[in-house]
PDB file of N, CA and C in Angstrom:
ATOM      1  N   UNK A   1     116.479  61.192  77.251  1.00  0.00           N
ATOM      2  CA  UNK A   1     115.582  60.370  78.042  1.00  0.00           C
ATOM      3  C   UNK A   1     114.164  60.926  77.894  1.00  0.00           C
ATOM      4  N   UNK A   2     113.229  60.071  77.579  1.00  0.00           N
ATOM      5  CA  UNK A   2     111.832  60.455  77.424  1.00  0.00           C
ATOM      6  C   UNK A   2     111.086  59.996  78.664  1.00  0.00           C
ATOM      7  N   UNK A   3     110.385  60.915  79.274  1.00  0.00           N
ATOM      8  CA  UNK A   3     109.633  60.583  80.480  1.00  0.00           C
ATOM      9  C   UNK A   3     108.166  60.404  80.123  1.00  0.00           C
ATOM     10  N   UNK A   4     107.531  59.505  80.807  1.00  0.00           N
ATOM     11  CA  UNK A   4     106.096  59.343  80.633  1.00  0.00           C
ATOM     12  C   UNK A   4     105.399  60.553  81.238  1.00  0.00           C
ATOM     13  N   UNK A   5     104.225  60.915  80.738  1.00  0.00           N
ATOM     14  CA  UNK A   5     103.524  62.088  81.284  1.00  0.00           C
ATOM     15  C   UNK A   5     103.269  62.001  82.780  1.00  0.00           C
ATOM     16  N   UNK A   6     102.930  60.797  83.277  1.00  0.00           N
ATOM     17  CA  UNK A   6     102.669  60.685  84.713  1.00  0.00           C
ATOM     18  C   UNK A   6     103.951  60.853  85.516  1.00  0.00           C
ATOM     19  N   UNK A   7     105.071  60.390  84.998  1.00  0.00           N
ATOM     20  CA  UNK A   7     106.345  60.559  85.691  1.00  0.00           C
ATOM     21  C   UNK A   7     106.751  62.031  85.689  1.00  0.00           C
ATOM     22  N   UNK A   8     106.527  62.726  84.589  1.00  0.00           N
ATOM     23  CA  UNK A   8     106.877  64.142  84.508  1.00  0.00           C
ATOM     24  C   UNK A   8     106.054  64.963  85.489  1.00  0.00           C
ATOM     25  N   UNK A   9     104.770  64.638  85.607  1.00  0.00           N
ATOM     26  CA  UNK A   9     103.936  65.403  86.532  1.00  0.00           C
ATOM     27  C   UNK A   9     104.327  65.128  87.978  1.00  0.00           C
ATOM     28  N   UNK A  10     104.764  63.926  88.302  1.00  0.00           N
ATOM     29  CA  UNK A  10     105.176  63.650  89.675  1.00  0.00           C
ATOM     30  C   UNK A  10     106.482  64.361  90.001  1.00  0.00           C
ATOM     31  N   UNK A  11     107.377  64.494  89.030  1.00  0.00           N
ATOM     32  CA  UNK A  11     108.614  65.238  89.252  1.00  0.00           C
ATOM     33  C   UNK A  11     108.280  66.710  89.466  1.00  0.00           C
ATOM     34  N   UNK A  12     107.376  67.247  88.678  1.00  0.00           N
ATOM     35  CA  UNK A  12     106.990  68.641  88.834  1.00  0.00           C
ATOM     36  C   UNK A  12     106.363  68.872  90.201  1.00  0.00           C
ATOM     37  N   UNK A  13     105.553  67.949  90.656  1.00  0.00           N
ATOM     38  CA  UNK A  13     104.918  68.089  91.964  1.00  0.00           C
ATOM     39  C   UNK A  13     105.973  68.060  93.077  1.00  0.00           C
ATOM     40  N   UNK A  14     106.967  67.190  92.933  1.00  0.00           N
ATOM     41  CA  UNK A  14     108.040  67.138  93.933  1.00  0.00           C
ATOM     42  C   UNK A  14     108.857  68.423  93.919  1.00  0.00           C
ATOM     43  N   UNK A  15     109.135  68.944  92.718  1.00  0.00           N
ATOM     44  CA  UNK A  15     109.872  70.205  92.618  1.00  0.00           C
ATOM     45  C   UNK A  15     109.083  71.326  93.264  1.00  0.00           C
ATOM     46  N   UNK A  16     107.792  71.360  93.027  1.00  0.00           N
ATOM     47  CA  UNK A  16     106.946  72.409  93.589  1.00  0.00           C
ATOM     48  C   UNK A  16     106.933  72.333  95.114  1.00  0.00           C
ATOM     49  N   UNK A  17     106.840  71.132  95.643  1.00  0.00           N
ATOM     50  CA  UNK A  17     106.859  70.970  97.096  1.00  0.00           C
ATOM     51  C   UNK A  17     108.191  71.428  97.680  1.00  0.00           C
ATOM     52  N   UNK A  18     109.285  71.161  96.982  1.00  0.00           N
ATOM     53  CA  UNK A  18     110.602  71.591  97.456  1.00  0.00           C
ATOM     54  C   UNK A  18     110.698  73.118  97.465  1.00  0.00           C
ATOM     55  N   UNK A  19     110.192  73.742  96.422  1.00  0.00           N
ATOM     56  CA  UNK A  19     110.204  75.208  96.351  1.00  0.00           C
ATOM     57  C   UNK A  19     109.357  75.793  97.480  1.00  0.00           C
ATOM     58  N   UNK A  20     108.193  75.235  97.707  1.00  0.00           N
ATOM     59  CA  UNK A  20     107.321  75.716  98.782  1.00  0.00           C
ATOM     60  C   UNK A  20     107.985  75.545 100.144  1.00  0.00           C
ATOM     61  N   UNK A  21     108.719  74.455 100.346  1.00  0.00           N
ATOM     62  CA  UNK A  21     109.405  74.232 101.624  1.00  0.00           C
ATOM     63  C   UNK A  21     110.502  75.267 101.832  1.00  0.00           C
ATOM     64  N   UNK A  22     111.251  75.586 100.775  1.00  0.00           N
ATOM     65  CA  UNK A  22     112.306  76.598 100.879  1.00  0.00           C
ATOM     66  C   UNK A  22     111.694  77.972 101.165  1.00  0.00           C
ATOM     67  N   UNK A  23     110.602  78.296 100.468  1.00  0.00           N
ATOM     68  CA  UNK A  23     109.940  79.576 100.702  1.00  0.00           C
ATOM     69  C   UNK A  23     109.447  79.691 102.138  1.00  0.00           C
ATOM     70  N   UNK A  24     108.888  78.627 102.666  1.00  0.00           N
ATOM     71  CA  UNK A  24     108.385  78.640 104.040  1.00  0.00           C
ATOM     72  C   UNK A  24     109.528  78.862 105.033  1.00  0.00           C
ATOM     73  N   UNK A  25     110.675  78.230 104.801  1.00  0.00           N
ATOM     74  CA  UNK A  25     111.829  78.413 105.688  1.00  0.00           C
ATOM     75  C   UNK A  25     112.350  79.846 105.611  1.00  0.00           C
ATOM     76  N   UNK A  26     112.401  80.405 104.394  1.00  0.00           N
ATOM     77  CA  UNK A  26     112.886  81.773 104.241  1.00  0.00           C
ATOM     78  C   UNK A  26     111.945  82.767 104.920  1.00  0.00           C
ATOM     79  N   UNK A  27     110.656  82.554 104.789  1.00  0.00           N
ATOM     80  CA  UNK A  27     109.698  83.450 105.439  1.00  0.00           C
ATOM     81  C   UNK A  27     109.777  83.346 106.955  1.00  0.00           C
ATOM     82  N   UNK A  28     109.963  82.148 107.462  1.00  0.00           N
ATOM     83  CA  UNK A  28     110.061  81.966 108.913  1.00  0.00           C
ATOM     84  C   UNK A  28     111.313  82.637 109.469  1.00  0.00           C
ATOM     85  N   UNK A  29     112.383  82.681 108.688  1.00  0.00           N
ATOM     86  CA  UNK A  29     113.640  83.269 109.151  1.00  0.00           C
ATOM     87  C   UNK A  29     113.696  84.781 108.928  1.00  0.00           C
ATOM     88  N   UNK A  30     112.729  85.334 108.180  1.00  0.00           N
ATOM     89  CA  UNK A  30     112.761  86.752 107.836  1.00  0.00           C
ATOM     90  C   UNK A  30     112.418  87.620 109.046  1.00  0.00           C
ATOM     91  N   UNK A  31     113.212  88.662 109.240  1.00  0.00           N
ATOM     92  CA  UNK A  31     112.938  89.606 110.315  1.00  0.00           C
ATOM     93  C   UNK A  31     112.070  90.744 109.779  1.00  0.00           C
ATOM     94  N   UNK A  32     111.547  91.564 110.690  1.00  0.00           N
ATOM     95  CA  UNK A  32     110.761  92.724 110.270  1.00  0.00           C
ATOM     96  C   UNK A  32     111.606  93.680 109.434  1.00  0.00           C
ATOM     97  N   UNK A  33     112.872  93.824 109.789  1.00  0.00           N
ATOM     98  CA  UNK A  33     113.767  94.713 109.042  1.00  0.00           C
ATOM     99  C   UNK A  33     113.973  94.189 107.618  1.00  0.00           C
ATOM    100  N   UNK A  34     114.103  92.867 107.484  1.00  0.00           N
ATOM    101  CA  UNK A  34     114.241  92.280 106.149  1.00  0.00           C
ATOM    102  C   UNK A  34     112.996  92.538 105.315  1.00  0.00           C
ATOM    103  N   UNK A  35     111.836  92.335 105.921  1.00  0.00           N
ATOM    104  CA  UNK A  35     110.580  92.540 105.202  1.00  0.00           C
ATOM    105  C   UNK A  35     110.431  93.996 104.776  1.00  0.00           C
ATOM    106  N   UNK A  36     110.773  94.924 105.654  1.00  0.00           N
ATOM    107  CA  UNK A  36     110.676  96.345 105.332  1.00  0.00           C
ATOM    108  C   UNK A  36     111.630  96.708 104.201  1.00  0.00           C
ATOM    109  N   UNK A  37     112.830  96.166 104.223  1.00  0.00           N
ATOM    110  CA  UNK A  37     113.800  96.420 103.154  1.00  0.00           C
ATOM    111  C   UNK A  37     113.282  95.919 101.812  1.00  0.00           C
ATOM    112  N   UNK A  38     112.687  94.739 101.806  1.00  0.00           N
ATOM    113  CA  UNK A  38     112.151  94.170 100.569  1.00  0.00           C
ATOM    114  C   UNK A  38     110.977  94.995 100.067  1.00  0.00           C
ATOM    115  N   UNK A  39     110.099  95.380 100.967  1.00  0.00           N
ATOM    116  CA  UNK A  39     108.939  96.191 100.573  1.00  0.00           C
ATOM    117  C   UNK A  39     109.393  97.515  99.979  1.00  0.00           C
ATOM    118  N   UNK A  40     110.371  98.152 100.608  1.00  0.00           N
ATOM    119  CA  UNK A  40     110.867  99.431 100.087  1.00  0.00           C
ATOM    120  C   UNK A  40     111.543  99.262  98.736  1.00  0.00           C
ATOM    121  N   UNK A  41     112.213  98.137  98.515  1.00  0.00           N
ATOM    122  CA  UNK A  41     112.858  97.929  97.218  1.00  0.00           C
ATOM    123  C   UNK A  41     111.822  97.675  96.125  1.00  0.00           C
ATOM    124  N   UNK A  42     110.696  97.048  96.468  1.00  0.00           N
ATOM    125  CA  UNK A  42     109.646  96.805  95.483  1.00  0.00           C
ATOM    126  C   UNK A  42     108.892  98.076  95.145  1.00  0.00           C
ATOM    127  N   UNK A  43     108.823  98.990  96.086  1.00  0.00           N
ATOM    128  CA  UNK A  43     108.073 100.220  95.886  1.00  0.00           C
ATOM    129  C   UNK A  43     108.658 101.059  94.754  1.00  0.00           C
ATOM    130  N   UNK A  44     109.931 100.875  94.440  1.00  0.00           N
ATOM    131  CA  UNK A  44     110.546 101.612  93.343  1.00  0.00           C
ATOM    132  C   UNK A  44     109.847 101.340  92.019  1.00  0.00           C
ATOM    133  N   UNK A  45     109.267 100.159  91.883  1.00  0.00           N
ATOM    134  CA  UNK A  45     108.671  99.761  90.625  1.00  0.00           C
ATOM    135  C   UNK A  45     107.149  99.891  90.619  1.00  0.00           C
ATOM    136  N   UNK A  46     106.569 100.250  91.738  1.00  0.00           N
ATOM    137  CA  UNK A  46     105.121 100.388  91.832  1.00  0.00           C
ATOM    138  C   UNK A  46     104.743 101.856  91.649  1.00  0.00           C
ATOM    139  N   UNK A  47     103.586 102.110  91.072  1.00  0.00           N
ATOM    140  CA  UNK A  47     103.168 103.509  90.946  1.00  0.00           C
ATOM    141  C   UNK A  47     102.902 104.114  92.326  1.00  0.00           C
ATOM    142  N   UNK A  48     103.189 105.382  92.452  1.00  0.00           N
ATOM    143  CA  UNK A  48     102.966 106.063  93.721  1.00  0.00           C
ATOM    144  C   UNK A  48     101.469 106.185  93.980  1.00  0.00           C
ATOM    145  N   UNK A  49     101.058 106.033  95.217  1.00  0.00           N
ATOM    146  CA  UNK A  49      99.626 106.177  95.519  1.00  0.00           C
ATOM    147  C   UNK A  49      99.190 107.624  95.274  1.00  0.00           C
ATOM    148  N   UNK A  50      97.951 107.819  94.876  1.00  0.00           N
ATOM    149  CA  UNK A  50      97.493 109.182  94.617  1.00  0.00           C
ATOM    150  C   UNK A  50      97.466 110.011  95.902  1.00  0.00           C
ATOM    151  N   UNK A  51      97.809 111.250  95.770  1.00  0.00           N
ATOM    152  CA  UNK A  51      97.798 112.162  96.903  1.00  0.00           C
ATOM    153  C   UNK A  51      96.456 112.881  96.898  1.00  0.00           C
ATOM    154  N   UNK A  52      95.589 112.643  97.875  1.00  0.00           N
ATOM    155  CA  UNK A  52      94.263 113.265  97.854  1.00  0.00           C
ATOM    156  C   UNK A  52      94.319 114.783  97.956  1.00  0.00           C
ATOM    157  N   UNK A  53      95.406 115.318  98.500  1.00  0.00           N
ATOM    158  CA  UNK A  53      95.521 116.767  98.622  1.00  0.00           C
ATOM    159  C   UNK A  53      96.003 117.419  97.332  1.00  0.00           C
ATOM    160  N   UNK A  54      96.484 116.600  96.397  1.00  0.00           N
ATOM    161  CA  UNK A  54      97.034 117.146  95.173  1.00  0.00           C
ATOM    162  C   UNK A  54      96.147 116.837  93.964  1.00  0.00           C
ATOM    163  N   UNK A  55      95.011 116.231  94.154  1.00  0.00           N
ATOM    164  CA  UNK A  55      94.211 115.782  93.028  1.00  0.00           C
ATOM    165  C   UNK A  55      93.072 116.697  92.652  1.00  0.00           C
ATOM    166  N   UNK A  56      92.886 117.812  93.344  1.00  0.00           N
ATOM    167  CA  UNK A  56      91.775 118.691  93.028  1.00  0.00           C
ATOM    168  C   UNK A  56      92.286 120.039  92.539  1.00  0.00           C
ATOM    169  N   UNK A  57      92.960 120.017  91.421  1.00  0.00           N
ATOM    170  CA  UNK A  57      93.429 121.247  90.811  1.00  0.00           C
ATOM    171  C   UNK A  57      92.303 121.923  90.061  1.00  0.00           C
ATOM    172  N   UNK A  58      92.633 123.023  89.423  1.00  0.00           N
ATOM    173  CA  UNK A  58      91.635 123.824  88.727  1.00  0.00           C
ATOM    174  C   UNK A  58      90.938 123.025  87.627  1.00  0.00           C
ATOM    175  N   UNK A  59      91.698 122.262  86.855  1.00  0.00           N
ATOM    176  CA  UNK A  59      91.102 121.493  85.758  1.00  0.00           C
ATOM    177  C   UNK A  59      90.113 120.472  86.302  1.00  0.00           C
ATOM    178  N   UNK A  60      90.498 119.755  87.387  1.00  0.00           N
ATOM    179  CA  UNK A  60      89.612 118.764  87.970  1.00  0.00           C
ATOM    180  C   UNK A  60      88.362 119.423  88.538  1.00  0.00           C
ATOM    181  N   UNK A  61      88.505 120.577  89.176  1.00  0.00           N
ATOM    182  CA  UNK A  61      87.342 121.276  89.718  1.00  0.00           C
ATOM    183  C   UNK A  61      86.400 121.722  88.610  1.00  0.00           C
ATOM    184  N   UNK A  62      86.950 122.226  87.520  1.00  0.00           N
ATOM    185  CA  UNK A  62      86.108 122.642  86.401  1.00  0.00           C
ATOM    186  C   UNK A  62      85.337 121.463  85.829  1.00  0.00           C
ATOM    187  N   UNK A  63      85.981 120.320  85.735  1.00  0.00           N
ATOM    188  CA  UNK A  63      85.304 119.129  85.223  1.00  0.00           C
ATOM    189  C   UNK A  63      84.169 118.714  86.153  1.00  0.00           C
ATOM    190  N   UNK A  64      84.390 118.800  87.458  1.00  0.00           N
ATOM    191  CA  UNK A  64      83.348 118.433  88.422  1.00  0.00           C
ATOM    192  C   UNK A  64      82.167 119.389  88.308  1.00  0.00           C
ATOM    193  N   UNK A  65      82.443 120.686  88.269  1.00  0.00           N
ATOM    194  CA  UNK A  65      81.355 121.666  88.181  1.00  0.00           C
ATOM    195  C   UNK A  65      80.630 121.589  86.846  1.00  0.00           C
ATOM    196  N   UNK A  66      81.333 121.229  85.807  1.00  0.00           N
ATOM    197  CA  UNK A  66      80.695 121.107  84.483  1.00  0.00           C
ATOM    198  C   UNK A  66      79.690 119.957  84.481  1.00  0.00           C
ATOM    199  N   UNK A  67      79.989 118.885  85.212  1.00  0.00           N
ATOM    200  CA  UNK A  67      79.081 117.722  85.272  1.00  0.00           C
ATOM    201  C   UNK A  67      77.942 117.936  86.246  1.00  0.00           C
ATOM    202  N   UNK A  68      78.039 118.925  87.102  1.00  0.00           N
ATOM    203  CA  UNK A  68      76.989 119.152  88.115  1.00  0.00           C
ATOM    204  C   UNK A  68      75.673 119.542  87.459  1.00  0.00           C
ATOM    205  N   UNK A  69      74.541 119.063  88.002  1.00  0.00           N
ATOM    206  CA  UNK A  69      73.244 119.426  87.432  1.00  0.00           C
ATOM    207  C   UNK A  69      72.974 120.919  87.622  1.00  0.00           C
ATOM    208  N   UNK A  70      72.338 121.503  86.645  1.00  0.00           N
ATOM    209  CA  UNK A  70      72.052 122.942  86.708  1.00  0.00           C
ATOM    210  C   UNK A  70      70.587 123.153  87.035  1.00  0.00           C
ATOM    211  N   UNK A  71      70.312 124.252  87.681  1.00  0.00           N
ATOM    212  CA  UNK A  71      68.922 124.560  88.066  1.00  0.00           C
ATOM    213  C   UNK A  71      68.192 125.228  86.937  1.00  0.00           C
TER     214      UNK A  71
END
């Protein structure tokens, strides 16, 4: 079956609206515990945030002092 371009775009728009409606229902039904579980599961794939207490080692300090203006 060959669909006209305007018919295909209207089907896509209807599909998109259906997906958005399902997403809205799922979000409305989600509890805080569900959201926290999902966030923690996604964190496995995200890079860890930098630790400000661990970022100033000797090499980093030497680089900073090397760039400092001299008198």
